[in-house]
Amino acid sequence: MQLPEGLGERLLRVRASMNPPPHSVKVGNKRYSYCNLKTREVFLSIDDLNRLEWIYRHEIMHLD
């Protein structure tokens, strides 16, 4: 899925402020956002994009 307008910049700001370990980010139509520790992948639910900064920071903390 293509990222909505401005989402990439918001993700980069959060990533720069937290200095997380290497990971990838996907956005899609799931019921909730989650972090897959084995594949180092953060999945953001479209429904959670209004709270993007909080959700993304929360999932990044699980990667450590």
PDB file of N, CA and C in Angstrom:
ATOM      1  N   MET A   1       0.835  -1.171   0.000  1.00  0.00           N
ATOM      2  CA  MET A   1       0.000   0.000   0.000  1.00  0.00           C
ATOM      3  C   MET A   1       0.884   1.239   0.000  1.00  0.00           C
ATOM      4  N   GLN A   2       0.510   2.223  -0.758  1.00  0.00           N
ATOM      5  CA  GLN A   2       1.247   3.478  -0.806  1.00  0.00           C
ATOM      6  C   GLN A   2       0.922   4.310   0.436  1.00  0.00           C
ATOM      7  N   LEU A   3       1.939   4.962   0.984  1.00  0.00           N
ATOM      8  CA  LEU A   3       1.742   5.762   2.189  1.00  0.00           C
ATOM      9  C   LEU A   3       0.912   7.002   1.895  1.00  0.00           C
ATOM     10  N   PRO A   4      -0.003   7.342   2.789  1.00  0.00           N
ATOM     11  CA  PRO A   4      -0.776   8.576   2.628  1.00  0.00           C
ATOM     12  C   PRO A   4       0.134   9.806   2.656  1.00  0.00           C
ATOM     13  N   GLU A   5      -0.358  10.902   2.109  1.00  0.00           N
ATOM     14  CA  GLU A   5       0.388  12.164   2.035  1.00  0.00           C
ATOM     15  C   GLU A   5       0.914  12.576   3.408  1.00  0.00           C
ATOM     16  N   GLY A   6       2.196  12.865   3.505  1.00  0.00           N
ATOM     17  CA  GLY A   6       2.806  13.358   4.731  1.00  0.00           C
ATOM     18  C   GLY A   6       3.181  12.296   5.747  1.00  0.00           C
ATOM     19  N   LEU A   7       2.757  11.062   5.534  1.00  0.00           N
ATOM     20  CA  LEU A   7       3.042  10.013   6.507  1.00  0.00           C
ATOM     21  C   LEU A   7       4.529   9.686   6.561  1.00  0.00           C
ATOM     22  N   GLY A   8       5.186   9.650   5.423  1.00  0.00           N
ATOM     23  CA  GLY A   8       6.614   9.336   5.386  1.00  0.00           C
ATOM     24  C   GLY A   8       7.440  10.305   6.206  1.00  0.00           C
ATOM     25  N   GLU A   9       7.132  11.591   6.116  1.00  0.00           N
ATOM     26  CA  GLU A   9       7.865  12.599   6.884  1.00  0.00           C
ATOM     27  C   GLU A   9       7.631  12.418   8.382  1.00  0.00           C
ATOM     28  N   ARG A  10       6.410  12.101   8.757  1.00  0.00           N
ATOM     29  CA  ARG A  10       6.103  11.886  10.173  1.00  0.00           C
ATOM     30  C   ARG A  10       6.859  10.677  10.712  1.00  0.00           C
ATOM     31  N   LEU A  11       6.926   9.603   9.907  1.00  0.00           N
ATOM     32  CA  LEU A  11       7.667   8.415  10.330  1.00  0.00           C
ATOM     33  C   LEU A  11       9.153   8.720  10.472  1.00  0.00           C
ATOM     34  N   LEU A  12       9.699   9.486   9.543  1.00  0.00           N
ATOM     35  CA  LEU A  12      11.121   9.839   9.613  1.00  0.00           C
ATOM     36  C   LEU A  12      11.434  10.681  10.849  1.00  0.00           C
ATOM     37  N   ARG A  13      10.549  11.589  11.219  1.00  0.00           N
ATOM     38  CA  ARG A  13      10.759  12.405  12.425  1.00  0.00           C
ATOM     39  C   ARG A  13      10.807  11.533  13.675  1.00  0.00           C
ATOM     40  N   VAL A  14       9.879  10.598  13.775  1.00  0.00           N
ATOM     41  CA  VAL A  14       9.853   9.702  14.935  1.00  0.00           C
ATOM     42  C   VAL A  14      11.104   8.842  14.939  1.00  0.00           C
ATOM     43  N   ARG A  15      11.448   8.282  13.791  1.00  0.00           N
ATOM     44  CA  ARG A  15      12.622   7.416  13.686  1.00  0.00           C
ATOM     45  C   ARG A  15      13.888   8.173  14.079  1.00  0.00           C
ATOM     46  N   ALA A  16      14.034   9.405  13.621  1.00  0.00           N
ATOM     47  CA  ALA A  16      15.225  10.203  13.933  1.00  0.00           C
ATOM     48  C   ALA A  16      15.301  10.524  15.424  1.00  0.00           C
ATOM     49  N   SER A  17      14.166  10.762  16.057  1.00  0.00           N
ATOM     50  CA  SER A  17      14.182  11.128  17.476  1.00  0.00           C
ATOM     51  C   SER A  17      14.450   9.935  18.389  1.00  0.00           C
ATOM     52  N   MET A  18      14.153   8.715  17.928  1.00  0.00           N
ATOM     53  CA  MET A  18      14.295   7.539  18.785  1.00  0.00           C
ATOM     54  C   MET A  18      15.526   6.700  18.474  1.00  0.00           C
ATOM     55  N   ASN A  19      16.108   6.846  17.294  1.00  0.00           N
ATOM     56  CA  ASN A  19      17.271   6.059  16.884  1.00  0.00           C
ATOM     57  C   ASN A  19      17.034   4.555  17.108  1.00  0.00           C
ATOM     58  N   PRO A  20      15.999   3.982  16.473  1.00  0.00           N
ATOM     59  CA  PRO A  20      15.650   2.579  16.699  1.00  0.00           C
ATOM     60  C   PRO A  20      16.592   1.633  15.956  1.00  0.00           C
ATOM     61  N   PRO A  21      16.549   0.342  16.303  1.00  0.00           N
ATOM     62  CA  PRO A  21      17.309  -0.648  15.541  1.00  0.00           C
ATOM     63  C   PRO A  21      16.717  -0.781  14.138  1.00  0.00           C
ATOM     64  N   PRO A  22      17.451  -1.382  13.209  1.00  0.00           N
ATOM     65  CA  PRO A  22      16.934  -1.535  11.836  1.00  0.00           C
ATOM     66  C   PRO A  22      15.589  -2.266  11.818  1.00  0.00           C
ATOM     67  N   HIS A  23      14.678  -1.751  11.013  1.00  0.00           N
ATOM     68  CA  HIS A  23      13.362  -2.364  10.880  1.00  0.00           C
ATOM     69  C   HIS A  23      12.685  -1.814   9.626  1.00  0.00           C
ATOM     70  N   SER A  24      11.605  -2.461   9.228  1.00  0.00           N
ATOM     71  CA  SER A  24      10.806  -1.968   8.106  1.00  0.00           C
ATOM     72  C   SER A  24       9.422  -1.610   8.629  1.00  0.00           C
ATOM     73  N   VAL A  25       8.714  -0.791   7.860  1.00  0.00           N
ATOM     74  CA  VAL A  25       7.377  -0.341   8.254  1.00  0.00           C
ATOM     75  C   VAL A  25       6.412  -0.639   7.116  1.00  0.00           C
ATOM     76  N   LYS A  26       5.262  -1.207   7.467  1.00  0.00           N
ATOM     77  CA  LYS A  26       4.197  -1.449   6.496  1.00  0.00           C
ATOM     78  C   LYS A  26       2.908  -0.848   7.039  1.00  0.00           C
ATOM     79  N   VAL A  27       2.060  -0.404   6.131  1.00  0.00           N
ATOM     80  CA  VAL A  27       0.765   0.171   6.495  1.00  0.00           C
ATOM     81  C   VAL A  27      -0.311  -0.597   5.743  1.00  0.00           C
ATOM     82  N   GLY A  28      -1.401  -0.936   6.422  1.00  0.00           N
ATOM     83  CA  GLY A  28      -2.450  -1.670   5.733  1.00  0.00           C
ATOM     84  C   GLY A  28      -3.732  -1.771   6.532  1.00  0.00           C
ATOM     85  N   ASN A  29      -4.660  -2.531   6.000  1.00  0.00           N
ATOM     86  CA  ASN A  29      -5.990  -2.702   6.598  1.00  0.00           C
ATOM     87  C   ASN A  29      -6.003  -3.881   7.559  1.00  0.00           C
ATOM     88  N   LYS A  30      -5.438  -3.703   8.717  1.00  0.00           N
ATOM     89  CA  LYS A  30      -5.508  -4.710   9.779  1.00  0.00           C
ATOM     90  C   LYS A  30      -6.299  -4.110  10.929  1.00  0.00           C
ATOM     91  N   ARG A  31      -6.701  -4.942  11.849  1.00  0.00           N
ATOM     92  CA  ARG A  31      -7.491  -4.475  12.986  1.00  0.00           C
ATOM     93  C   ARG A  31      -6.649  -3.651  13.968  1.00  0.00           C
ATOM     94  N   TYR A  32      -5.358  -3.959  14.084  1.00  0.00           N
ATOM     95  CA  TYR A  32      -4.505  -3.269  15.047  1.00  0.00           C
ATOM     96  C   TYR A  32      -3.079  -3.172  14.515  1.00  0.00           C
ATOM     97  N   SER A  33      -2.287  -2.316  15.126  1.00  0.00           N
ATOM     98  CA  SER A  33      -0.871  -2.174  14.792  1.00  0.00           C
ATOM     99  C   SER A  33      -0.077  -3.161  15.642  1.00  0.00           C
ATOM    100  N   TYR A  34       1.051  -3.630  15.118  1.00  0.00           N
ATOM    101  CA  TYR A  34       1.869  -4.575  15.872  1.00  0.00           C
ATOM    102  C   TYR A  34       3.307  -4.543  15.377  1.00  0.00           C
ATOM    103  N   CYS A  35       4.165  -5.213  16.126  1.00  0.00           N
ATOM    104  CA  CYS A  35       5.574  -5.328  15.783  1.00  0.00           C
ATOM    105  C   CYS A  35       5.922  -6.809  15.733  1.00  0.00           C
ATOM    106  N   ASN A  36       6.510  -7.267  14.629  1.00  0.00           N
ATOM    107  CA  ASN A  36       6.958  -8.643  14.505  1.00  0.00           C
ATOM    108  C   ASN A  36       8.443  -8.668  14.848  1.00  0.00           C
ATOM    109  N   LEU A  37       8.786  -9.238  15.987  1.00  0.00           N
ATOM    110  CA  LEU A  37      10.173  -9.213  16.452  1.00  0.00           C
ATOM    111  C   LEU A  37      11.096 -10.082  15.612  1.00  0.00           C
ATOM    112  N   LYS A  38      10.587 -11.170  15.049  1.00  0.00           N
ATOM    113  CA  LYS A  38      11.434 -12.045  14.228  1.00  0.00           C
ATOM    114  C   LYS A  38      11.846 -11.385  12.924  1.00  0.00           C
ATOM    115  N   THR A  39      10.910 -10.721  12.270  1.00  0.00           N
ATOM    116  CA  THR A  39      11.211 -10.103  10.970  1.00  0.00           C
ATOM    117  C   THR A  39      11.595  -8.636  11.097  1.00  0.00           C
ATOM    118  N   ARG A  40      11.552  -8.084  12.335  1.00  0.00           N
ATOM    119  CA  ARG A  40      11.890  -6.669  12.580  1.00  0.00           C
ATOM    120  C   ARG A  40      11.010  -5.762  11.730  1.00  0.00           C
ATOM    121  N   GLU A  41       9.720  -6.046  11.748  1.00  0.00           N
ATOM    122  CA  GLU A  41       8.765  -5.313  10.928  1.00  0.00           C
ATOM    123  C   GLU A  41       7.695  -4.678  11.820  1.00  0.00           C
ATOM    124  N   VAL A  42       7.450  -3.385  11.609  1.00  0.00           N
ATOM    125  CA  VAL A  42       6.384  -2.675  12.306  1.00  0.00           C
ATOM    126  C   VAL A  42       5.234  -2.533  11.322  1.00  0.00           C
ATOM    127  N   PHE A  43       4.063  -3.019  11.714  1.00  0.00           N
ATOM    128  CA  PHE A  43       2.885  -2.914  10.868  1.00  0.00           C
ATOM    129  C   PHE A  43       1.935  -1.911  11.494  1.00  0.00           C
ATOM    130  N   LEU A  44       1.591  -0.859  10.754  1.00  0.00           N
ATOM    131  CA  LEU A  44       0.692   0.184  11.243  1.00  0.00           C
ATOM    132  C   LEU A  44      -0.676   0.041  10.586  1.00  0.00           C
ATOM    133  N   SER A  45      -1.702  -0.063  11.409  1.00  0.00           N
ATOM    134  CA  SER A  45      -3.073  -0.150  10.920  1.00  0.00           C
ATOM    135  C   SER A  45      -3.528   1.210  10.407  1.00  0.00           C
ATOM    136  N   ILE A  46      -4.264   1.224   9.319  1.00  0.00           N
ATOM    137  CA  ILE A  46      -4.796   2.478   8.781  1.00  0.00           C
ATOM    138  C   ILE A  46      -5.660   3.180   9.828  1.00  0.00           C
ATOM    139  N   ASP A  47      -6.379   2.410  10.633  1.00  0.00           N
ATOM    140  CA  ASP A  47      -7.233   2.999  11.669  1.00  0.00           C
ATOM    141  C   ASP A  47      -6.428   3.734  12.741  1.00  0.00           C
ATOM    142  N   ASP A  48      -5.146   3.390  12.893  1.00  0.00           N
ATOM    143  CA  ASP A  48      -4.302   4.009  13.919  1.00  0.00           C
ATOM    144  C   ASP A  48      -3.506   5.207  13.415  1.00  0.00           C
ATOM    145  N   LEU A  49      -3.650   5.592  12.171  1.00  0.00           N
ATOM    146  CA  LEU A  49      -2.802   6.645  11.619  1.00  0.00           C
ATOM    147  C   LEU A  49      -3.052   8.010  12.251  1.00  0.00           C
ATOM    148  N   ASN A  50      -4.207   8.235  12.848  1.00  0.00           N
ATOM    149  CA  ASN A  50      -4.446   9.501  13.543  1.00  0.00           C
ATOM    150  C   ASN A  50      -3.572   9.627  14.783  1.00  0.00           C
ATOM    151  N   ARG A  51      -3.182   8.495  15.337  1.00  0.00           N
ATOM    152  CA  ARG A  51      -2.304   8.470  16.513  1.00  0.00           C
ATOM    153  C   ARG A  51      -0.932   7.939  16.136  1.00  0.00           C
ATOM    154  N   LEU A  52      -0.505   8.232  14.930  1.00  0.00           N
ATOM    155  CA  LEU A  52       0.694   7.622  14.361  1.00  0.00           C
ATOM    156  C   LEU A  52       1.917   7.746  15.246  1.00  0.00           C
ATOM    157  N   GLU A  53       2.246   8.944  15.719  1.00  0.00           N
ATOM    158  CA  GLU A  53       3.474   9.127  16.475  1.00  0.00           C
ATOM    159  C   GLU A  53       3.497   8.244  17.723  1.00  0.00           C
ATOM    160  N   TRP A  54       2.390   8.222  18.462  1.00  0.00           N
ATOM    161  CA  TRP A  54       2.352   7.422  19.682  1.00  0.00           C
ATOM    162  C   TRP A  54       2.459   5.934  19.358  1.00  0.00           C
ATOM    163  N   ILE A  55       1.675   5.473  18.400  1.00  0.00           N
ATOM    164  CA  ILE A  55       1.665   4.053  18.034  1.00  0.00           C
ATOM    165  C   ILE A  55       3.040   3.617  17.539  1.00  0.00           C
ATOM    166  N   TYR A  56       3.652   4.394  16.653  1.00  0.00           N
ATOM    167  CA  TYR A  56       4.954   4.031  16.087  1.00  0.00           C
ATOM    168  C   TYR A  56       6.021   3.996  17.182  1.00  0.00           C
ATOM    169  N   ARG A  57       6.034   4.984  18.066  1.00  0.00           N
ATOM    170  CA  ARG A  57       6.996   4.987  19.173  1.00  0.00           C
ATOM    171  C   ARG A  57       6.796   3.756  20.059  1.00  0.00           C
ATOM    172  N   HIS A  58       5.549   3.418  20.321  1.00  0.00           N
ATOM    173  CA  HIS A  58       5.240   2.255  21.148  1.00  0.00           C
ATOM    174  C   HIS A  58       5.770   0.971  20.502  1.00  0.00           C
ATOM    175  N   GLU A  59       5.550   0.797  19.213  1.00  0.00           N
ATOM    176  CA  GLU A  59       6.007  -0.415  18.528  1.00  0.00           C
ATOM    177  C   GLU A  59       7.531  -0.455  18.420  1.00  0.00           C
ATOM    178  N   ILE A  60       8.172   0.695  18.232  1.00  0.00           N
ATOM    179  CA  ILE A  60       9.638   0.740  18.178  1.00  0.00           C
ATOM    180  C   ILE A  60      10.227   0.277  19.511  1.00  0.00           C
ATOM    181  N   MET A  61       9.595   0.644  20.614  1.00  0.00           N
ATOM    182  CA  MET A  61      10.111   0.230  21.922  1.00  0.00           C
ATOM    183  C   MET A  61      10.143  -1.288  22.045  1.00  0.00           C
ATOM    184  N   HIS A  62       9.256  -1.990  21.375  1.00  0.00           N
ATOM    185  CA  HIS A  62       9.254  -3.451  21.414  1.00  0.00           C
ATOM    186  C   HIS A  62      10.451  -4.042  20.672  1.00  0.00           C
ATOM    187  N   LEU A  63      11.043  -3.295  19.760  1.00  0.00           N
ATOM    188  CA  LEU A  63      12.179  -3.813  18.997  1.00  0.00           C
ATOM    189  C   LEU A  63      13.452  -3.901  19.830  1.00  0.00           C
ATOM    190  N   ASP A  64      13.549  -3.101  20.877  1.00  0.00           N
ATOM    191  CA  ASP A  64      14.773  -3.091  21.703  1.00  0.00           C
ATOM    192  C   ASP A  64      14.883  -4.293  22.585  1.00  0.00           C
TER     193      ASP A  64
END
